[in-house]
Amino acid sequence: MSRTLLLSALTFLLLPGLATARWIDDIVKIDVEATGPVEFSHYNHLDALGKKCTLCHNRVFNIVRSKNPEFTMDDMRKGKACGARHNGKKAFAVDDDCSACHPTHDIVFAVEDGDATFPHSVHTEMYGCADCHTDIFIPDQKKNPRFTMDQMSEGEACGACHDGDTAFSVDDNCDTCHDM
């Protein structure tokens, strides 16, 4: 085999590896005040889109992050930013699975009678994010009002589901939520 042919064959075999753009940073963190940072994976998107960086750069996002405008979920629902592709046709819609992009974590509420913990993972195994957000709680924990146990017993906040029928009552099993 001639040296030129061998070099051509090696280049052809290596080209897909070079085209994967593995030299770029995989994870880009996008600060979202309400939910915490979203982690965008370049590698997942490169694999799914066939290494076509120009589908997003510089059409939807500028390659220089500081030049990208801020956007909201409403913007994305209207086809801007991530919503340009995540529209339910080209890729899953921005409202299909919140946890695909937004982190979930346990939320601890400091209370006198023993801190209460809301385990997101337990709830997201059974329900979708929209079952609680935004009718019962808004995603930004800091903006939700504090509720008393009496209010919850009357069906507000956690008591909307923890009524003794849908789920155990807020009046029972205190140590399920509270550190006792």
N, C-alpha and C. Protein backbone atom coordinates (compact mmCIF):
# COMPACT_ATOMS: atom_id res chain seq x y z
N MET A 1 0.86 -1.17 0.00
CA MET A 1 0.00 0.00 0.00
C MET A 1 0.90 1.23 0.00
N SER A 2 0.58 2.15 -0.86
CA SER A 2 1.42 3.34 -0.95
C SER A 2 1.23 4.20 0.30
N ARG A 3 2.26 4.99 0.55
CA ARG A 3 2.25 5.88 1.71
C ARG A 3 1.08 6.88 1.62
N THR A 4 0.77 7.40 0.46
CA THR A 4 -0.31 8.36 0.27
C THR A 4 -1.66 7.69 0.55
N LEU A 5 -1.82 6.48 0.06
CA LEU A 5 -3.06 5.75 0.27
C LEU A 5 -3.23 5.44 1.76
N LEU A 6 -2.16 5.03 2.44
CA LEU A 6 -2.21 4.76 3.87
C LEU A 6 -2.56 6.02 4.65
N LEU A 7 -1.95 7.13 4.31
CA LEU A 7 -2.23 8.40 4.97
C LEU A 7 -3.68 8.81 4.74
N SER A 8 -4.18 8.61 3.53
CA SER A 8 -5.57 8.93 3.22
C SER A 8 -6.53 8.06 4.03
N ALA A 9 -6.21 6.77 4.13
CA ALA A 9 -7.06 5.84 4.89
C ALA A 9 -7.08 6.23 6.37
N LEU A 10 -5.91 6.55 6.93
CA LEU A 10 -5.85 6.96 8.34
C LEU A 10 -6.62 8.26 8.57
N THR A 11 -6.48 9.20 7.67
CA THR A 11 -7.21 10.47 7.79
C THR A 11 -8.71 10.20 7.77
N PHE A 12 -9.15 9.33 6.86
CA PHE A 12 -10.57 9.00 6.76
C PHE A 12 -11.07 8.34 8.04
N LEU A 13 -10.26 7.45 8.61
CA LEU A 13 -10.66 6.78 9.85
C LEU A 13 -10.65 7.73 11.04
N LEU A 14 -9.72 8.66 11.06
CA LEU A 14 -9.62 9.59 12.18
C LEU A 14 -10.58 10.77 12.06
N LEU A 15 -11.02 11.07 10.87
CA LEU A 15 -11.89 12.23 10.66
C LEU A 15 -13.13 12.24 11.55
N PRO A 16 -13.86 11.12 11.67
CA PRO A 16 -15.02 11.17 12.59
C PRO A 16 -14.61 11.52 14.01
N GLY A 17 -13.47 11.03 14.45
CA GLY A 17 -12.98 11.37 15.79
C GLY A 17 -12.65 12.85 15.93
N LEU A 18 -12.08 13.42 14.87
CA LEU A 18 -11.78 14.85 14.90
C LEU A 18 -13.05 15.67 14.80
N ALA A 19 -14.04 15.14 14.08
CA ALA A 19 -15.28 15.88 13.88
C ALA A 19 -16.19 15.88 15.10
N THR A 20 -15.87 15.05 16.09
CA THR A 20 -16.73 15.02 17.27
C THR A 20 -16.53 16.24 18.14
N ALA A 21 -15.54 17.03 17.86
CA ALA A 21 -15.29 18.26 18.61
C ALA A 21 -15.10 17.99 20.09
N ARG A 22 -14.44 16.92 20.43
CA ARG A 22 -14.22 16.58 21.83
C ARG A 22 -13.24 17.52 22.51
N TRP A 23 -12.72 18.46 21.77
CA TRP A 23 -11.82 19.45 22.35
C TRP A 23 -12.58 20.57 23.03
N ILE A 24 -13.90 20.65 22.80
CA ILE A 24 -14.68 21.70 23.45
C ILE A 24 -15.10 21.23 24.84
N ASP A 25 -15.44 22.18 25.69
CA ASP A 25 -15.95 21.82 27.01
C ASP A 25 -17.29 21.15 26.84
N ASP A 26 -17.47 20.01 27.47
CA ASP A 26 -18.74 19.29 27.37
C ASP A 26 -19.84 20.07 28.08
N ILE A 27 -19.68 20.32 29.36
CA ILE A 27 -20.76 20.90 30.16
C ILE A 27 -20.67 22.42 30.20
N VAL A 28 -21.77 23.04 29.83
CA VAL A 28 -21.91 24.50 29.96
C VAL A 28 -22.99 24.73 31.00
N LYS A 29 -22.66 25.46 32.05
CA LYS A 29 -23.65 25.74 33.09
C LYS A 29 -24.33 27.07 32.78
N ILE A 30 -25.65 27.02 32.80
CA ILE A 30 -26.46 28.21 32.55
C ILE A 30 -27.17 28.53 33.86
N ASP A 31 -26.86 29.68 34.43
CA ASP A 31 -27.45 30.05 35.71
C ASP A 31 -28.92 30.38 35.53
N VAL A 32 -29.75 29.73 36.32
CA VAL A 32 -31.19 29.98 36.34
C VAL A 32 -31.57 30.22 37.80
N GLU A 33 -31.93 31.45 38.09
CA GLU A 33 -32.18 31.82 39.48
C GLU A 33 -33.28 30.98 40.13
N ALA A 34 -34.36 30.73 39.41
CA ALA A 34 -35.51 30.05 39.99
C ALA A 34 -35.27 28.59 40.33
N THR A 35 -34.48 27.89 39.50
CA THR A 35 -34.35 26.44 39.67
C THR A 35 -32.94 25.97 39.96
N GLY A 36 -31.99 26.84 39.87
CA GLY A 36 -30.60 26.41 39.97
C GLY A 36 -30.03 26.23 38.58
N PRO A 37 -28.73 26.02 38.48
CA PRO A 37 -28.09 25.97 37.16
C PRO A 37 -28.55 24.78 36.31
N VAL A 38 -28.69 25.06 35.02
CA VAL A 38 -28.97 24.03 34.03
C VAL A 38 -27.63 23.63 33.44
N GLU A 39 -27.42 22.32 33.30
CA GLU A 39 -26.19 21.83 32.69
C GLU A 39 -26.48 21.37 31.27
N PHE A 40 -25.90 22.07 30.31
CA PHE A 40 -26.04 21.73 28.90
C PHE A 40 -24.84 20.88 28.49
N SER A 41 -25.09 19.72 27.90
CA SER A 41 -24.01 18.84 27.46
C SER A 41 -23.81 18.98 25.95
N HIS A 42 -22.65 19.54 25.57
CA HIS A 42 -22.30 19.61 24.15
C HIS A 42 -22.21 18.20 23.56
N TYR A 43 -21.58 17.28 24.28
CA TYR A 43 -21.35 15.94 23.74
C TYR A 43 -22.66 15.22 23.43
N ASN A 44 -23.65 15.32 24.32
CA ASN A 44 -24.95 14.68 24.04
C ASN A 44 -25.57 15.26 22.78
N HIS A 45 -25.49 16.57 22.65
CA HIS A 45 -26.08 17.21 21.48
C HIS A 45 -25.28 16.92 20.20
N LEU A 46 -23.97 16.88 20.31
CA LEU A 46 -23.16 16.53 19.14
C LEU A 46 -23.48 15.12 18.66
N ASP A 47 -23.63 14.19 19.59
CA ASP A 47 -23.95 12.82 19.23
C ASP A 47 -25.33 12.74 18.57
N ALA A 48 -26.30 13.46 19.12
CA ALA A 48 -27.67 13.42 18.60
C ALA A 48 -27.82 14.13 17.25
N LEU A 49 -27.06 15.18 17.04
CA LEU A 49 -27.22 16.01 15.84
C LEU A 49 -26.21 15.69 14.74
N GLY A 50 -25.37 14.72 14.97
CA GLY A 50 -24.42 14.36 13.94
C GLY A 50 -23.29 15.36 13.77
N LYS A 51 -22.84 15.93 14.85
CA LYS A 51 -21.69 16.84 14.86
C LYS A 51 -21.92 18.09 14.01
N LYS A 52 -23.16 18.56 13.97
CA LYS A 52 -23.49 19.74 13.18
C LYS A 52 -23.59 20.95 14.09
N CYS A 53 -22.46 21.47 14.50
CA CYS A 53 -22.40 22.61 15.43
C CYS A 53 -23.18 23.81 14.91
N THR A 54 -23.18 23.97 13.58
CA THR A 54 -23.80 25.16 13.01
C THR A 54 -25.33 25.15 13.08
N LEU A 55 -25.93 24.03 13.49
CA LEU A 55 -27.37 24.05 13.71
C LEU A 55 -27.74 25.04 14.82
N CYS A 56 -26.82 25.19 15.77
CA CYS A 56 -27.07 26.13 16.87
C CYS A 56 -26.12 27.33 16.82
N HIS A 57 -24.87 27.08 16.49
CA HIS A 57 -23.88 28.18 16.46
C HIS A 57 -23.69 28.63 15.01
N ASN A 58 -23.85 29.78 14.69
CA ASN A 58 -24.22 31.01 15.36
C ASN A 58 -25.64 31.40 15.00
N ARG A 59 -26.49 30.45 14.72
CA ARG A 59 -27.89 30.73 14.39
C ARG A 59 -28.71 31.04 15.64
N VAL A 60 -28.64 30.16 16.63
CA VAL A 60 -29.45 30.29 17.83
C VAL A 60 -28.62 30.87 18.97
N PHE A 61 -27.43 30.35 19.12
CA PHE A 61 -26.52 30.79 20.18
C PHE A 61 -25.22 31.26 19.57
N ASN A 62 -24.70 32.35 20.10
CA ASN A 62 -23.39 32.83 19.70
C ASN A 62 -22.35 31.94 20.35
N ILE A 63 -21.30 31.66 19.65
CA ILE A 63 -20.25 30.82 20.21
C ILE A 63 -19.56 31.52 21.39
N VAL A 64 -19.63 32.83 21.42
CA VAL A 64 -19.11 33.60 22.55
C VAL A 64 -20.27 33.78 23.54
N ARG A 65 -20.22 33.06 24.66
CA ARG A 65 -21.35 33.02 25.60
C ARG A 65 -21.80 34.39 26.05
N SER A 66 -20.89 35.31 26.26
CA SER A 66 -21.27 36.63 26.77
C SER A 66 -22.14 37.40 25.78
N LYS A 67 -22.17 36.97 24.53
CA LYS A 67 -22.98 37.64 23.51
C LYS A 67 -24.40 37.06 23.40
N ASN A 68 -24.68 36.00 24.17
CA ASN A 68 -26.00 35.39 24.12
C ASN A 68 -26.97 36.15 25.01
N PRO A 69 -28.17 36.42 24.52
CA PRO A 69 -29.15 37.10 25.36
C PRO A 69 -29.69 36.13 26.41
N GLU A 70 -30.24 36.68 27.48
CA GLU A 70 -30.93 35.84 28.45
C GLU A 70 -32.30 35.50 27.88
N PHE A 71 -32.83 34.35 28.25
CA PHE A 71 -34.11 33.93 27.74
C PHE A 71 -34.88 33.21 28.83
N THR A 72 -36.19 33.15 28.66
CA THR A 72 -37.07 32.53 29.64
C THR A 72 -37.71 31.28 29.05
N MET A 73 -38.42 30.55 29.90
CA MET A 73 -39.16 29.39 29.41
C MET A 73 -40.21 29.83 28.40
N ASP A 74 -40.85 30.97 28.63
CA ASP A 74 -41.83 31.48 27.65
C ASP A 74 -41.16 31.75 26.31
N ASP A 75 -39.93 32.31 26.33
CA ASP A 75 -39.18 32.52 25.09
C ASP A 75 -38.97 31.20 24.37
N MET A 76 -38.59 30.17 25.13
CA MET A 76 -38.32 28.87 24.52
C MET A 76 -39.60 28.26 23.95
N ARG A 77 -40.71 28.42 24.65
CA ARG A 77 -41.99 27.91 24.14
C ARG A 77 -42.35 28.58 22.82
N LYS A 78 -41.87 29.80 22.60
CA LYS A 78 -42.13 30.54 21.36
C LYS A 78 -41.08 30.25 20.28
N GLY A 79 -40.20 29.28 20.54
CA GLY A 79 -39.23 28.88 19.53
C GLY A 79 -37.89 29.57 19.61
N LYS A 80 -37.65 30.33 20.66
CA LYS A 80 -36.36 30.99 20.81
C LYS A 80 -35.42 30.12 21.62
N ALA A 81 -34.13 30.37 21.49
CA ALA A 81 -33.08 29.66 22.24
C ALA A 81 -33.27 28.15 22.08
N CYS A 82 -33.29 27.40 23.18
CA CYS A 82 -33.41 25.94 23.12
C CYS A 82 -34.69 25.50 22.42
N GLY A 83 -35.73 26.32 22.50
CA GLY A 83 -37.01 26.01 21.88
C GLY A 83 -36.97 25.97 20.37
N ALA A 84 -35.88 26.46 19.75
CA ALA A 84 -35.75 26.39 18.30
C ALA A 84 -35.73 24.92 17.84
N ARG A 85 -35.16 24.05 18.64
CA ARG A 85 -35.13 22.63 18.31
C ARG A 85 -36.00 21.81 19.25
N HIS A 86 -36.06 22.22 20.51
CA HIS A 86 -36.86 21.47 21.50
C HIS A 86 -38.30 21.96 21.44
N ASN A 87 -38.98 21.55 20.37
CA ASN A 87 -40.33 22.00 20.10
C ASN A 87 -41.33 20.84 19.99
N GLY A 88 -40.88 19.64 20.33
CA GLY A 88 -41.75 18.47 20.24
C GLY A 88 -41.73 17.79 18.89
N LYS A 89 -41.08 18.42 17.90
CA LYS A 89 -40.99 17.85 16.57
C LYS A 89 -39.55 17.42 16.27
N LYS A 90 -38.62 18.36 16.43
CA LYS A 90 -37.22 18.06 16.17
C LYS A 90 -36.57 17.36 17.36
N ALA A 91 -37.01 17.71 18.56
CA ALA A 91 -36.54 17.10 19.80
C ALA A 91 -37.64 17.29 20.83
N PHE A 92 -37.51 16.63 21.97
CA PHE A 92 -38.56 16.75 22.98
C PHE A 92 -38.85 18.22 23.27
N ALA A 93 -40.11 18.51 23.55
CA ALA A 93 -40.53 19.89 23.81
C ALA A 93 -39.99 20.36 25.16
N VAL A 94 -39.80 21.66 25.28
CA VAL A 94 -39.22 22.22 26.51
C VAL A 94 -40.06 21.92 27.74
N ASP A 95 -41.34 21.63 27.57
CA ASP A 95 -42.21 21.33 28.71
C ASP A 95 -42.39 19.83 28.95
N ASP A 96 -41.77 18.98 28.14
CA ASP A 96 -41.99 17.53 28.26
C ASP A 96 -41.41 16.93 29.53
N ASP A 97 -40.18 17.24 29.86
CA ASP A 97 -39.52 16.66 31.04
C ASP A 97 -38.59 17.69 31.64
N CYS A 98 -39.10 18.41 32.61
CA CYS A 98 -38.32 19.51 33.22
C CYS A 98 -36.97 19.03 33.74
N SER A 99 -36.95 17.83 34.35
CA SER A 99 -35.72 17.35 34.97
C SER A 99 -34.67 16.94 33.95
N ALA A 100 -35.03 16.90 32.65
CA ALA A 100 -34.01 16.63 31.63
C ALA A 100 -32.99 17.76 31.59
N CYS A 101 -33.41 18.96 31.99
CA CYS A 101 -32.52 20.12 31.98
C CYS A 101 -32.35 20.74 33.36
N HIS A 102 -33.43 20.78 34.12
CA HIS A 102 -33.39 21.45 35.41
C HIS A 102 -33.09 20.46 36.53
N PRO A 103 -32.17 20.82 37.39
CA PRO A 103 -31.84 19.91 38.50
C PRO A 103 -32.97 19.88 39.53
N THR A 104 -33.13 18.74 40.13
CA THR A 104 -34.04 18.66 41.26
C THR A 104 -33.22 18.20 42.47
N HIS A 105 -33.63 18.65 43.61
CA HIS A 105 -32.93 18.28 44.84
C HIS A 105 -33.93 18.35 45.99
N ASP A 106 -33.54 17.72 47.08
CA ASP A 106 -34.38 17.78 48.26
C ASP A 106 -34.39 19.20 48.78
N ILE A 107 -35.54 19.63 49.28
CA ILE A 107 -35.67 20.97 49.83
C ILE A 107 -35.90 20.83 51.33
N VAL A 108 -35.11 21.52 52.11
CA VAL A 108 -35.23 21.46 53.56
C VAL A 108 -35.83 22.79 54.04
N PHE A 109 -36.89 22.68 54.79
CA PHE A 109 -37.54 23.84 55.39
C PHE A 109 -37.19 23.87 56.87
N ALA A 110 -36.57 24.95 57.31
CA ALA A 110 -36.21 25.09 58.71
C ALA A 110 -37.44 25.48 59.52
N VAL A 111 -37.83 24.62 60.43
CA VAL A 111 -38.97 24.89 61.31
C VAL A 111 -38.60 24.50 62.73
N GLU A 112 -39.25 25.14 63.70
CA GLU A 112 -38.92 24.92 65.11
C GLU A 112 -39.10 23.48 65.56
N ASP A 113 -40.15 22.83 65.11
CA ASP A 113 -40.47 21.49 65.60
C ASP A 113 -39.69 20.38 64.90
N GLY A 114 -38.69 20.72 64.15
CA GLY A 114 -37.90 19.73 63.40
C GLY A 114 -37.97 20.03 61.92
N ASP A 115 -36.84 20.30 61.33
CA ASP A 115 -36.80 20.65 59.91
C ASP A 115 -37.59 19.64 59.08
N ALA A 116 -38.27 20.15 58.07
CA ALA A 116 -39.05 19.31 57.17
C ALA A 116 -38.32 19.21 55.84
N THR A 117 -38.28 18.01 55.28
CA THR A 117 -37.60 17.78 54.01
C THR A 117 -38.61 17.36 52.95
N PHE A 118 -38.57 18.05 51.82
CA PHE A 118 -39.37 17.66 50.66
C PHE A 118 -38.45 16.90 49.71
N PRO A 119 -38.67 15.59 49.53
CA PRO A 119 -37.82 14.80 48.62
C PRO A 119 -38.34 14.85 47.19
N HIS A 120 -37.69 15.65 46.36
CA HIS A 120 -38.11 15.77 44.96
C HIS A 120 -38.12 14.41 44.26
N SER A 121 -37.07 13.62 44.47
CA SER A 121 -36.94 12.37 43.72
C SER A 121 -38.12 11.44 43.97
N VAL A 122 -38.62 11.38 45.20
CA VAL A 122 -39.77 10.52 45.50
C VAL A 122 -40.99 10.99 44.72
N HIS A 123 -41.18 12.29 44.66
CA HIS A 123 -42.36 12.84 43.99
C HIS A 123 -42.25 12.76 42.47
N THR A 124 -41.06 13.01 41.91
CA THR A 124 -40.94 12.99 40.45
C THR A 124 -40.97 11.57 39.88
N GLU A 125 -40.83 10.56 40.73
CA GLU A 125 -41.01 9.19 40.27
C GLU A 125 -42.48 8.90 39.97
N MET A 126 -43.37 9.64 40.66
CA MET A 126 -44.81 9.38 40.53
C MET A 126 -45.56 10.45 39.75
N TYR A 127 -45.03 11.66 39.73
CA TYR A 127 -45.75 12.79 39.15
C TYR A 127 -44.85 13.60 38.24
N GLY A 128 -45.45 14.36 37.37
CA GLY A 128 -44.71 15.30 36.54
C GLY A 128 -44.56 16.62 37.26
N CYS A 129 -43.61 17.39 36.84
CA CYS A 129 -43.34 18.68 37.48
C CYS A 129 -44.58 19.58 37.45
N ALA A 130 -45.32 19.55 36.35
CA ALA A 130 -46.49 20.42 36.20
C ALA A 130 -47.62 20.05 37.15
N ASP A 131 -47.56 18.87 37.77
CA ASP A 131 -48.60 18.51 38.74
C ASP A 131 -48.54 19.42 39.96
N CYS A 132 -47.37 19.91 40.29
CA CYS A 132 -47.23 20.82 41.43
C CYS A 132 -46.85 22.23 41.00
N HIS A 133 -46.02 22.33 39.97
CA HIS A 133 -45.56 23.65 39.51
C HIS A 133 -46.39 24.03 38.29
N THR A 134 -47.10 25.04 38.25
CA THR A 134 -47.09 26.21 39.10
C THR A 134 -48.39 26.38 39.88
N ASP A 135 -49.29 25.40 39.82
CA ASP A 135 -50.57 25.55 40.52
C ASP A 135 -50.42 25.54 42.04
N ILE A 136 -49.57 24.68 42.57
CA ILE A 136 -49.41 24.58 44.02
C ILE A 136 -48.18 25.35 44.48
N PHE A 137 -47.09 25.18 43.78
CA PHE A 137 -45.83 25.87 44.11
C PHE A 137 -45.22 26.45 42.84
N ILE A 138 -44.60 27.62 42.96
CA ILE A 138 -43.82 28.11 41.83
C ILE A 138 -42.42 27.52 41.97
N PRO A 139 -41.71 27.32 40.88
CA PRO A 139 -40.40 26.66 40.96
C PRO A 139 -39.39 27.37 41.87
N ASP A 140 -39.48 28.67 42.00
CA ASP A 140 -38.51 29.40 42.82
C ASP A 140 -38.91 29.30 44.29
N GLN A 141 -38.22 28.42 45.01
CA GLN A 141 -38.54 28.16 46.41
C GLN A 141 -38.60 29.43 47.25
N LYS A 142 -37.74 30.38 46.97
CA LYS A 142 -37.68 31.62 47.76
C LYS A 142 -38.95 32.46 47.62
N LYS A 143 -39.69 32.27 46.54
CA LYS A 143 -40.88 33.08 46.29
C LYS A 143 -42.16 32.43 46.76
N ASN A 144 -42.09 31.18 47.24
CA ASN A 144 -43.28 30.53 47.76
C ASN A 144 -43.54 31.00 49.18
N PRO A 145 -44.79 31.24 49.52
CA PRO A 145 -45.07 31.63 50.90
C PRO A 145 -44.85 30.44 51.84
N ARG A 146 -44.65 30.74 53.11
CA ARG A 146 -44.55 29.68 54.12
C ARG A 146 -45.96 29.26 54.49
N PHE A 147 -46.17 27.98 54.72
CA PHE A 147 -47.48 27.47 55.09
C PHE A 147 -47.39 26.82 56.46
N THR A 148 -48.44 26.98 57.23
CA THR A 148 -48.50 26.34 58.54
C THR A 148 -49.09 24.94 58.38
N MET A 149 -48.93 24.14 59.39
CA MET A 149 -49.52 22.81 59.36
C MET A 149 -51.05 22.91 59.30
N ASP A 150 -51.63 23.91 59.94
CA ASP A 150 -53.08 24.10 59.88
C ASP A 150 -53.52 24.38 58.44
N GLN A 151 -52.76 25.24 57.73
CA GLN A 151 -53.10 25.52 56.33
C GLN A 151 -52.98 24.26 55.48
N MET A 152 -51.94 23.46 55.74
CA MET A 152 -51.79 22.21 54.99
C MET A 152 -52.92 21.25 55.30
N SER A 153 -53.36 21.20 56.56
CA SER A 153 -54.49 20.34 56.93
C SER A 153 -55.76 20.76 56.21
N GLU A 154 -55.83 22.03 55.84
CA GLU A 154 -57.00 22.55 55.11
C GLU A 154 -56.85 22.41 53.59
N GLY A 155 -55.79 21.74 53.14
CA GLY A 155 -55.64 21.44 51.72
C GLY A 155 -54.71 22.37 50.95
N GLU A 156 -54.00 23.25 51.64
CA GLU A 156 -53.06 24.12 50.93
C GLU A 156 -51.68 23.47 50.88
N ALA A 157 -50.87 23.91 49.93
CA ALA A 157 -49.48 23.45 49.79
C ALA A 157 -49.44 21.92 49.76
N CYS A 158 -48.63 21.31 50.59
CA CYS A 158 -48.47 19.85 50.61
C CYS A 158 -49.80 19.15 50.85
N GLY A 159 -50.68 19.83 51.61
CA GLY A 159 -51.99 19.26 51.92
C GLY A 159 -52.89 19.09 50.71
N ALA A 160 -52.54 19.68 49.57
CA ALA A 160 -53.33 19.49 48.35
C ALA A 160 -53.35 18.02 47.96
N CYS A 161 -52.27 17.31 48.18
CA CYS A 161 -52.21 15.88 47.89
C CYS A 161 -52.17 15.04 49.17
N HIS A 162 -51.49 15.55 50.17
CA HIS A 162 -51.36 14.81 51.43
C HIS A 162 -52.60 15.07 52.28
N ASP A 163 -53.71 14.44 51.81
CA ASP A 163 -55.02 14.66 52.41
C ASP A 163 -55.59 13.39 53.04
N GLY A 164 -54.81 12.32 53.05
CA GLY A 164 -55.28 11.05 53.59
C GLY A 164 -55.90 10.16 52.54
N ASP A 165 -56.24 10.71 51.37
CA ASP A 165 -56.79 9.92 50.27
C ASP A 165 -55.76 9.74 49.15
N THR A 166 -55.28 10.86 48.61
CA THR A 166 -54.29 10.81 47.54
C THR A 166 -52.96 10.30 48.07
N ALA A 167 -52.57 10.80 49.22
CA ALA A 167 -51.34 10.39 49.89
C ALA A 167 -51.57 10.51 51.40
N PHE A 168 -50.63 10.01 52.17
CA PHE A 168 -50.81 10.07 53.62
C PHE A 168 -51.11 11.50 54.06
N SER A 169 -51.86 11.63 55.10
CA SER A 169 -52.29 12.94 55.59
C SER A 169 -51.14 13.70 56.26
N VAL A 170 -51.16 15.02 56.14
CA VAL A 170 -50.16 15.84 56.83
C VAL A 170 -50.35 15.77 58.34
N ASP A 171 -51.50 15.26 58.78
CA ASP A 171 -51.77 15.14 60.21
C ASP A 171 -51.19 13.86 60.81
N ASP A 172 -50.73 12.96 59.98
CA ASP A 172 -50.18 11.67 60.43
C ASP A 172 -48.70 11.58 60.07
N ASN A 173 -48.00 10.68 60.69
CA ASN A 173 -46.62 10.34 60.31
C ASN A 173 -45.70 11.55 60.25
N CYS A 174 -45.66 12.34 61.30
CA CYS A 174 -44.84 13.56 61.32
C CYS A 174 -43.40 13.30 60.93
N ASP A 175 -42.87 12.16 61.40
CA ASP A 175 -41.45 11.89 61.16
C ASP A 175 -41.16 11.51 59.71
N THR A 176 -42.19 11.37 58.87
CA THR A 176 -41.96 11.12 57.44
C THR A 176 -41.32 12.35 56.80
N CYS A 177 -41.71 13.53 57.27
CA CYS A 177 -41.20 14.78 56.68
C CYS A 177 -40.29 15.54 57.64
N HIS A 178 -40.58 15.45 58.93
CA HIS A 178 -39.85 16.25 59.92
C HIS A 178 -38.77 15.44 60.62
N ASP A 179 -37.63 16.10 60.86
CA ASP A 179 -36.57 15.50 61.68
C ASP A 179 -37.06 15.53 63.12
N MET A 180 -37.26 14.38 63.68
CA MET A 180 -37.80 14.31 65.06
C MET A 180 -36.71 13.88 66.03
